C-alpha cells in the first residue's frame, strides 16, 4: 500500500506533529499523522491516522512495519502475514488501553 513515505515535522500550537504522506497503489496520496512508532515482537511498527477523507472520519488507523534506511529516511512495509498483523494490532490496542488507564489515573490524582 505505501511506497516512498515522506516523513515531515509540523509545528501545531507549539507541539511538534510528525506526518507521513503515503503514495497508495492507485497513485493517490494520503497524508497521515504519526500516532506512534512501537516495537512488537522483534520488529518496529508505525501507527498512522489519516488526516482527511472517509478513513479519517472513521478513525481508521494504518499499521506498517517501520525501519530507517541508511540515509535516515523512513521505510514502511505492508504487513502481509495475518498472524503478524494480529500481534501488531494487539500490541497497539494494549498501548491505547494503557494510555487510557494512565490518563484516568492522572485525572483521579488531581
Protein backbone atom coordinates (compact mmCIF):
# COMPACT_ATOMS: atom_id res chain seq x y z
CA UNK A 1 0.00 0.00 0.00
CA UNK A 2 2.71 2.52 0.93
CA UNK A 3 5.59 3.45 -1.28
CA UNK A 4 8.23 6.09 -0.59
CA UNK A 5 6.71 7.65 2.52
CA UNK A 6 7.54 11.28 3.08
CA UNK A 7 8.05 11.98 6.80
CA UNK A 8 7.61 15.60 7.85
CA UNK A 9 7.55 17.52 11.11
CA UNK A 10 4.99 20.30 11.56
CA UNK A 11 4.62 22.73 14.46
CA UNK A 12 1.00 22.83 15.53
CA UNK A 13 0.08 25.02 18.51
CA UNK A 14 3.57 24.66 19.97
CA UNK A 15 3.57 20.87 19.69
CA UNK A 16 5.56 19.05 17.07
CA UNK A 17 3.45 16.78 14.91
CA UNK A 18 5.02 14.24 12.59
CA UNK A 19 3.20 13.44 9.36
CA UNK A 20 3.69 10.87 6.61
CA UNK A 21 2.46 11.16 3.03
CA UNK A 22 1.64 7.71 1.70
CA UNK A 23 1.53 7.00 -2.01
CA UNK A 24 -1.20 4.41 -2.43
CA UNK A 25 -1.35 1.64 -5.04
CA UNK A 26 -3.68 3.72 -7.23
CA UNK A 27 -1.16 6.61 -7.27
CA UNK A 28 -3.17 8.85 -4.93
CA UNK A 29 -1.57 10.36 -1.86
CA UNK A 30 -2.85 10.22 1.69
CA UNK A 31 -1.44 12.42 4.43
CA UNK A 32 -1.37 10.81 7.86
CA UNK A 33 -0.37 11.80 11.38
CA UNK A 34 2.16 9.52 13.05
CA UNK A 35 0.46 8.29 16.22
CA UNK A 36 3.41 6.26 17.45
CA UNK A 37 6.34 4.07 16.49
CA UNK A 38 6.44 0.96 18.66
CA UNK A 39 8.01 -2.48 18.95
CA UNK A 40 6.03 -5.72 18.76
CA UNK A 41 7.92 -8.99 18.78
CA UNK A 42 11.34 -8.16 17.40
CA UNK A 43 10.32 -5.52 14.84
CA UNK A 44 9.37 -1.87 14.85
CA UNK A 45 5.99 -0.72 13.57
CA UNK A 46 4.30 2.60 12.92
CA UNK A 47 0.68 3.57 13.51
CA UNK A 48 -0.73 6.20 11.14
CA UNK A 49 -4.02 8.11 11.26
CA UNK A 50 -5.27 9.70 8.01
CA UNK A 51 -5.82 13.46 8.30
CA UNK A 52 -8.70 13.73 5.81
CA UNK A 53 -11.25 11.66 3.92
CA UNK A 54 -13.54 8.85 4.99
CA UNK A 55 -10.69 6.97 6.71
CA UNK A 56 -10.09 9.97 9.00
CA UNK A 57 -13.77 10.31 9.82
CA UNK A 58 -13.95 6.63 10.78
CA UNK A 59 -10.73 6.88 12.85
CA UNK A 60 -9.11 4.13 10.79
CA UNK A 61 -5.50 3.50 11.83
CA UNK A 62 -2.94 2.04 9.43
CA UNK A 63 -0.19 -0.20 10.77
CA UNK A 64 3.07 -0.80 8.86
CA UNK A 65 6.46 -2.32 9.51
CA UNK A 66 8.87 0.53 10.19
CA UNK A 67 12.61 0.84 9.66
CA UNK A 68 15.03 3.50 8.55
CA UNK A 69 17.26 3.39 5.50
CA UNK A 70 20.98 4.14 5.80
CA UNK A 71 20.31 7.79 4.94
CA UNK A 72 17.80 8.05 7.80
CA UNK A 73 14.71 8.07 5.58
CA UNK A 74 11.76 6.04 6.86
CA UNK A 75 10.95 2.76 5.18
CA UNK A 76 7.40 1.43 5.57
CA UNK A 77 6.41 -2.08 4.53
CA UNK A 78 2.99 -3.69 4.37
CA UNK A 79 2.30 -6.42 6.91
CA UNK A 80 1.47 -9.39 4.67
CA UNK A 81 1.00 -12.11 7.27
CA UNK A 82 -2.34 -12.24 9.14
CA UNK A 83 -0.72 -13.70 12.26
CA UNK A 84 1.89 -10.91 12.33
CA UNK A 85 -0.84 -8.29 11.82
CA UNK A 86 -2.82 -9.69 14.77
CA UNK A 87 0.26 -9.46 17.02
CA UNK A 88 0.87 -5.86 15.93
CA UNK A 89 -2.79 -4.83 16.26
CA UNK A 90 -2.98 -6.41 19.74
CA UNK A 91 0.20 -4.59 20.83
CA UNK A 92 -1.19 -1.28 19.53
CA UNK A 93 -4.56 -1.86 21.27
CA UNK A 94 -2.73 -2.65 24.51
CA UNK A 95 -0.77 0.62 24.20
CA UNK A 96 -4.05 2.51 23.76
CA UNK A 97 -5.59 0.77 26.78
CA UNK A 98 -2.55 1.60 28.93
CA UNK A 99 -2.58 5.24 27.79
CA UNK A 100 -6.28 5.50 28.61
CA UNK A 101 -5.67 3.91 32.03
CA UNK A 102 -2.78 6.28 32.75
CA UNK A 103 -4.99 9.23 31.75
CA UNK A 104 -7.74 8.07 34.11
CA UNK A 105 -5.28 7.60 36.98
CA UNK A 106 -3.80 11.06 36.38
CA UNK A 107 -7.31 12.61 36.48
CA UNK A 108 -8.12 10.81 39.73
CA UNK A 109 -4.94 12.13 41.35
CA UNK A 110 -5.84 15.77 40.60
